[in-house]
Amino acid sequence: MARTAIYAGSFDPVTNGHVDIITRGARLFDRLVVAVGNNPTKKYLFDLETRTQMIAEACTEVPNLEVVPFRGLLVDAARKYDADVVLRGLRALSDFDLEFRNGLANRALSGIETFFLLADPSLIYVSSSLVREIAMYGGDVSGFVPGPVAEAVRRLYPAAPPG
């Protein structure tokens, strides 16, 4: 029986930590669907199509990967893509609290289980919000995101603001 996992997020922008979870998750499941979503309460650096494309470009060497945009509930996307499991990455205890509650809610809504992967220790502090903040102040984000993503971020924030 082929196992499909779904890994969802806003990925604004996709980080090396996300790519690590994607590549490791793809080795554990027959098929991995990365579902790129929009939270209507958030303002995004990149639009949904761009974020979806960035992940696909960053993960071209992952053969069993499908990157798709989605709107609505994760459990509905999981059903649409025949996912057996929700894949989530954990960096810290604070991540666990939220992910634990979301996992329980998803199971209550649909019966789907959640599978947690621990972040690579060298990437534990990397987050999309950290990348956005560094970029906003003109810092170099190339150590935190895939190369093409760093270039796209640089185009949005070409120079550091005056001190």
Foldseek 3Di string as FASTA:
>chain_A
DFAEEEEEDQPLPPWVQNVVLVQVVLVVGVAYEYEHEDDVVDDGPDDRVVNQVQSCVVPVVRVRYHYYYDYDDPLVVCVVVVHQEYEDEDLDPVVCVVVVVVQVVSCVVHVHGYDYDYTDPVQSPADSVVLLVCLQQAHQCPVIHPPVVSVVSCVVRVHGPDD
